[in-house]
Amino acid sequence: MDKLIIYFSRADENYAVGYIEKGNTEVVAEYVQELTGADIFKVEPLIPYSKDYKTCIEEAKQRVGNAPIKENINDISKYNIIYIMTPIYWGTYAPEIETAIKDLDFSNKTIRIITTHEGSGLGNVVSDIKSITNGNVDDNALAVQGSKVSVSKDIIKEWLNI
């Protein structure tokens, strides 16, 4: 089966972990790629977020429904499993995730979700992505605490059933 990882991640100042060189969700996405051999697509905002965490989350709130990205994914037809990964912003996915996936055809796809967070768990991500994709979203989503991503590989491997 062909697999694709679609993820959004942000470095700089993160809640509870301070300044980081690589975003927590990116670390998780790389683990999943390594373990599954999936293709990978990083969703990047057209306008970068502030390096300051509090300013960033306020900017994210303003981008809900209008979060332009640098590059779009145009065709996912060859993929059977789509992993969507995002940090939790205001109880749901980063706004750029919606921009990246809203026009894609998820017919006959299995969608698996991973979030990174510092206390929000999955938030409303599963139900919110279900409403966008009309796809087969696996309810067995995974929430990884951002401050623990460096030791999460075994948990991810177990979640992947590998």
C-alpha atoms as a PDB file:
ATOM      1  CA  MET A   1       0.000   0.000   0.000  1.00  0.00           C
ATOM      2  CA  ASP A   2       1.219   3.492  -0.821  1.00  0.00           C
ATOM      3  CA  LYS A   3       1.299   5.879   2.108  1.00  0.00           C
ATOM      4  CA  LEU A   4       1.581   9.652   2.410  1.00  0.00           C
ATOM      5  CA  ILE A   5       2.337  11.819   5.425  1.00  0.00           C
ATOM      6  CA  ILE A   6       0.878  15.327   5.364  1.00  0.00           C
ATOM      7  CA  TYR A   7       2.095  17.377   8.302  1.00  0.00           C
ATOM      8  CA  PHE A   8       2.469  20.854   9.694  1.00  0.00           C
ATOM      9  CA  SER A   9       5.153  21.629  12.237  1.00  0.00           C
ATOM     10  CA  ARG A  10       6.768  24.698  13.718  1.00  0.00           C
ATOM     11  CA  ALA A  11      10.142  25.159  15.358  1.00  0.00           C
ATOM     12  CA  ASP A  12      11.121  28.225  17.420  1.00  0.00           C
ATOM     13  CA  GLU A  13       9.478  28.748  20.826  1.00  0.00           C
ATOM     14  CA  ASN A  14       7.071  25.952  21.718  1.00  0.00           C
ATOM     15  CA  TYR A  15       4.900  25.615  24.786  1.00  0.00           C
ATOM     16  CA  ALA A  16       6.653  23.791  27.650  1.00  0.00           C
ATOM     17  CA  VAL A  17       9.774  22.964  25.637  1.00  0.00           C
ATOM     18  CA  GLY A  18      11.249  26.396  24.912  1.00  0.00           C
ATOM     19  CA  TYR A  19      13.081  27.139  21.667  1.00  0.00           C
ATOM     20  CA  ILE A  20      13.590  24.148  19.400  1.00  0.00           C
ATOM     21  CA  GLU A  21      15.418  23.738  16.086  1.00  0.00           C
ATOM     22  CA  LYS A  22      12.891  21.266  14.670  1.00  0.00           C
ATOM     23  CA  GLY A  23       9.174  21.204  15.382  1.00  0.00           C
ATOM     24  CA  ASN A  24       7.758  18.364  17.474  1.00  0.00           C
ATOM     25  CA  THR A  25       5.352  17.241  14.764  1.00  0.00           C
ATOM     26  CA  GLU A  26       8.197  17.122  12.250  1.00  0.00           C
ATOM     27  CA  VAL A  27      10.110  14.754  14.530  1.00  0.00           C
ATOM     28  CA  VAL A  28       7.051  12.492  14.744  1.00  0.00           C
ATOM     29  CA  ALA A  29       6.508  12.679  10.964  1.00  0.00           C
ATOM     30  CA  GLU A  30      10.104  11.590  10.387  1.00  0.00           C
ATOM     31  CA  TYR A  31       9.619   8.628  12.749  1.00  0.00           C
ATOM     32  CA  VAL A  32       6.515   7.543  10.831  1.00  0.00           C
ATOM     33  CA  GLN A  33       8.328   7.941   7.515  1.00  0.00           C
ATOM     34  CA  GLU A  34      11.246   5.874   8.770  1.00  0.00           C
ATOM     35  CA  LEU A  35       8.947   3.134  10.090  1.00  0.00           C
ATOM     36  CA  THR A  36       6.545   2.974   7.110  1.00  0.00           C
ATOM     37  CA  GLY A  37       8.485   4.200   4.079  1.00  0.00           C
ATOM     38  CA  ALA A  38       5.706   6.723   3.406  1.00  0.00           C
ATOM     39  CA  ASP A  39       6.122   9.709   1.121  1.00  0.00           C
ATOM     40  CA  ILE A  40       6.118  12.953   3.057  1.00  0.00           C
ATOM     41  CA  PHE A  41       4.727  16.444   2.468  1.00  0.00           C
ATOM     42  CA  LYS A  42       5.438  19.324   4.837  1.00  0.00           C
ATOM     43  CA  VAL A  43       2.742  21.982   4.864  1.00  0.00           C
ATOM     44  CA  GLU A  44       4.432  25.369   5.157  1.00  0.00           C
ATOM     45  CA  PRO A  45       2.696  28.687   5.767  1.00  0.00           C
ATOM     46  CA  LEU A  46       3.078  31.318   3.083  1.00  0.00           C
ATOM     47  CA  ILE A  47       3.628  33.864   5.856  1.00  0.00           C
ATOM     48  CA  PRO A  48       5.871  32.462   8.607  1.00  0.00           C
ATOM     49  CA  TYR A  49       4.640  32.546  12.165  1.00  0.00           C
ATOM     50  CA  SER A  50       6.327  34.614  14.846  1.00  0.00           C
ATOM     51  CA  LYS A  51       9.159  32.899  16.694  1.00  0.00           C
ATOM     52  CA  ASP A  52       7.430  33.808  19.986  1.00  0.00           C
ATOM     53  CA  TYR A  53       4.909  31.140  21.072  1.00  0.00           C
ATOM     54  CA  LYS A  54       2.169  33.423  22.409  1.00  0.00           C
ATOM     55  CA  THR A  55       2.297  35.640  19.335  1.00  0.00           C
ATOM     56  CA  CYS A  56       2.244  32.540  17.098  1.00  0.00           C
ATOM     57  CA  ILE A  57      -0.914  31.093  18.611  1.00  0.00           C
ATOM     58  CA  GLU A  58      -2.664  34.458  18.293  1.00  0.00           C
ATOM     59  CA  GLU A  59      -1.597  34.584  14.630  1.00  0.00           C
ATOM     60  CA  ALA A  60      -2.953  31.048  14.170  1.00  0.00           C
ATOM     61  CA  LYS A  61      -6.312  32.120  15.568  1.00  0.00           C
ATOM     62  CA  GLN A  62      -6.445  34.904  12.964  1.00  0.00           C
ATOM     63  CA  ARG A  63      -5.641  32.475  10.131  1.00  0.00           C
ATOM     64  CA  VAL A  64      -8.541  30.072  10.738  1.00  0.00           C
ATOM     65  CA  GLY A  65     -10.339  29.701   7.390  1.00  0.00           C
ATOM     66  CA  ASN A  66      -7.651  31.681   5.556  1.00  0.00           C
ATOM     67  CA  ALA A  67      -4.187  30.198   5.964  1.00  0.00           C
ATOM     68  CA  PRO A  68      -2.306  30.345   2.652  1.00  0.00           C
ATOM     69  CA  ILE A  69       0.468  27.808   2.166  1.00  0.00           C
ATOM     70  CA  LYS A  70       3.619  27.816   0.025  1.00  0.00           C
ATOM     71  CA  GLU A  71       2.764  24.707  -1.971  1.00  0.00           C
ATOM     72  CA  ASN A  72      -0.364  22.622  -2.485  1.00  0.00           C
ATOM     73  CA  ILE A  73      -0.764  18.884  -2.844  1.00  0.00           C
ATOM     74  CA  ASN A  74      -2.702  18.325  -6.042  1.00  0.00           C
ATOM     75  CA  ASP A  75      -3.130  14.580  -6.314  1.00  0.00           C
ATOM     76  CA  ILE A  76      -3.279  11.857  -3.675  1.00  0.00           C
ATOM     77  CA  SER A  77      -4.857   9.236  -5.920  1.00  0.00           C
ATOM     78  CA  LYS A  78      -1.955   6.785  -5.665  1.00  0.00           C
ATOM     79  CA  TYR A  79      -2.083   6.659  -1.857  1.00  0.00           C
ATOM     80  CA  ASN A  80      -4.176   4.253   0.211  1.00  0.00           C
ATOM     81  CA  ILE A  81      -3.205   5.508   3.666  1.00  0.00           C
ATOM     82  CA  ILE A  82      -2.836   9.181   4.504  1.00  0.00           C
ATOM     83  CA  TYR A  83      -1.251  10.219   7.804  1.00  0.00           C
ATOM     84  CA  ILE A  84      -2.260  13.724   8.842  1.00  0.00           C
ATOM     85  CA  MET A  85      -0.119  15.209  11.602  1.00  0.00           C
ATOM     86  CA  THR A  86      -0.468  18.527  13.364  1.00  0.00           C
ATOM     87  CA  PRO A  87       0.194  20.346  16.593  1.00  0.00           C
ATOM     88  CA  ILE A  88      -2.904  21.401  18.524  1.00  0.00           C
ATOM     89  CA  TYR A  89      -3.744  25.086  18.063  1.00  0.00           C
ATOM     90  CA  TRP A  90      -6.844  26.345  19.857  1.00  0.00           C
ATOM     91  CA  GLY A  91      -8.193  22.816  20.328  1.00  0.00           C
ATOM     92  CA  THR A  92      -7.780  21.655  16.742  1.00  0.00           C
ATOM     93  CA  TYR A  93      -5.333  21.377  13.821  1.00  0.00           C
ATOM     94  CA  ALA A  94      -3.060  24.164  12.616  1.00  0.00           C
ATOM     95  CA  PRO A  95      -5.064  26.244  10.099  1.00  0.00           C
ATOM     96  CA  GLU A  96      -2.633  25.400   7.289  1.00  0.00           C
ATOM     97  CA  ILE A  97      -3.670  21.744   7.508  1.00  0.00           C
ATOM     98  CA  GLU A  98      -7.190  22.677   6.411  1.00  0.00           C
ATOM     99  CA  THR A  99      -5.802  24.655   3.478  1.00  0.00           C
ATOM    100  CA  ALA A 100      -3.673  21.674   2.449  1.00  0.00           C
ATOM    101  CA  ILE A 101      -6.407  19.024   2.583  1.00  0.00           C
ATOM    102  CA  LYS A 102      -9.751  20.749   1.940  1.00  0.00           C
ATOM    103  CA  ASP A 103      -9.792  20.207  -1.835  1.00  0.00           C
ATOM    104  CA  LEU A 104      -8.343  16.685  -1.927  1.00  0.00           C
ATOM    105  CA  ASP A 105     -10.345  13.579  -2.806  1.00  0.00           C
ATOM    106  CA  PHE A 106     -10.146  11.190   0.140  1.00  0.00           C
ATOM    107  CA  SER A 107     -12.458   8.586  -1.405  1.00  0.00           C
ATOM    108  CA  ASN A 108     -11.293   5.051  -0.610  1.00  0.00           C
ATOM    109  CA  LYS A 109      -8.498   6.338   1.639  1.00  0.00           C
ATOM    110  CA  THR A 110      -7.726   5.502   5.229  1.00  0.00           C
ATOM    111  CA  ILE A 111      -6.801   8.595   7.208  1.00  0.00           C
ATOM    112  CA  ARG A 112      -4.720   8.197  10.367  1.00  0.00           C
ATOM    113  CA  ILE A 113      -4.131  11.161  12.631  1.00  0.00           C
ATOM    114  CA  ILE A 114      -1.328  12.104  15.005  1.00  0.00           C
ATOM    115  CA  THR A 115      -1.254  15.274  17.081  1.00  0.00           C
ATOM    116  CA  THR A 116       1.471  16.807  19.187  1.00  0.00           C
ATOM    117  CA  HIS A 117       0.422  18.763  22.258  1.00  0.00           C
ATOM    118  CA  GLU A 118       1.276  19.753  25.800  1.00  0.00           C
ATOM    119  CA  GLY A 119      -2.010  18.817  27.432  1.00  0.00           C
ATOM    120  CA  SER A 120      -4.687  19.076  24.747  1.00  0.00           C
ATOM    121  CA  GLY A 121      -4.429  15.473  23.581  1.00  0.00           C
ATOM    122  CA  LEU A 122      -6.295  15.088  20.308  1.00  0.00           C
ATOM    123  CA  GLY A 123      -8.485  18.135  20.895  1.00  0.00           C
ATOM    124  CA  ASN A 124     -11.202  18.192  18.215  1.00  0.00           C
ATOM    125  CA  VAL A 125      -8.819  17.178  15.438  1.00  0.00           C
ATOM    126  CA  VAL A 126     -10.407  13.818  14.596  1.00  0.00           C
ATOM    127  CA  SER A 127     -13.947  15.167  14.216  1.00  0.00           C
ATOM    128  CA  ASP A 128     -12.735  18.328  12.483  1.00  0.00           C
ATOM    129  CA  ILE A 129     -10.719  16.362   9.916  1.00  0.00           C
ATOM    130  CA  LYS A 130     -13.650  13.984   9.387  1.00  0.00           C
ATOM    131  CA  SER A 131     -15.824  16.964   8.473  1.00  0.00           C
ATOM    132  CA  ILE A 132     -13.301  18.211   5.895  1.00  0.00           C
ATOM    133  CA  THR A 133     -12.332  14.934   4.262  1.00  0.00           C
ATOM    134  CA  ASN A 134     -15.534  12.899   4.170  1.00  0.00           C
ATOM    135  CA  GLY A 135     -12.998  10.097   4.291  1.00  0.00           C
ATOM    136  CA  ASN A 136     -12.438   7.005   6.318  1.00  0.00           C
ATOM    137  CA  VAL A 137     -10.792   8.536   9.379  1.00  0.00           C
ATOM    138  CA  ASP A 138      -9.408   5.951  11.753  1.00  0.00           C
ATOM    139  CA  ASP A 139     -10.769   6.806  15.217  1.00  0.00           C
ATOM    140  CA  ASN A 140      -7.638   5.278  16.742  1.00  0.00           C
ATOM    141  CA  ALA A 141      -5.698   8.536  16.529  1.00  0.00           C
ATOM    142  CA  LEU A 142      -2.516   9.165  18.486  1.00  0.00           C
ATOM    143  CA  ALA A 143      -1.646  12.161  20.672  1.00  0.00           C
ATOM    144  CA  VAL A 144       2.051  12.587  21.468  1.00  0.00           C
ATOM    145  CA  GLN A 145       3.144  15.030  24.133  1.00  0.00           C
ATOM    146  CA  GLY A 146       5.504  17.498  22.467  1.00  0.00           C
ATOM    147  CA  SER A 147       8.017  17.489  25.293  1.00  0.00           C
ATOM    148  CA  LYS A 148       8.273  13.692  24.932  1.00  0.00           C
ATOM    149  CA  VAL A 149       8.644  13.296  21.162  1.00  0.00           C
ATOM    150  CA  SER A 150      12.290  12.340  21.473  1.00  0.00           C
ATOM    151  CA  VAL A 151      11.264   9.181  23.362  1.00  0.00           C
ATOM    152  CA  SER A 152       8.039   8.443  21.471  1.00  0.00           C
ATOM    153  CA  LYS A 153       9.326   6.191  18.688  1.00  0.00           C
ATOM    154  CA  ASP A 154       8.265   2.946  20.413  1.00  0.00           C
ATOM    155  CA  ILE A 155       4.773   4.313  21.112  1.00  0.00           C
ATOM    156  CA  ILE A 156       4.459   5.334  17.459  1.00  0.00           C
ATOM    157  CA  LYS A 157       5.727   1.945  16.307  1.00  0.00           C
ATOM    158  CA  GLU A 158       3.115   0.206  18.464  1.00  0.00           C
ATOM    159  CA  TRP A 159       0.363   2.530  17.166  1.00  0.00           C
ATOM    160  CA  LEU A 160       1.411   1.690  13.593  1.00  0.00           C
ATOM    161  CA  ASN A 161       1.166  -2.038  14.436  1.00  0.00           C
ATOM    162  CA  ILE A 162       4.689  -2.670  13.218  1.00  0.00           C
END
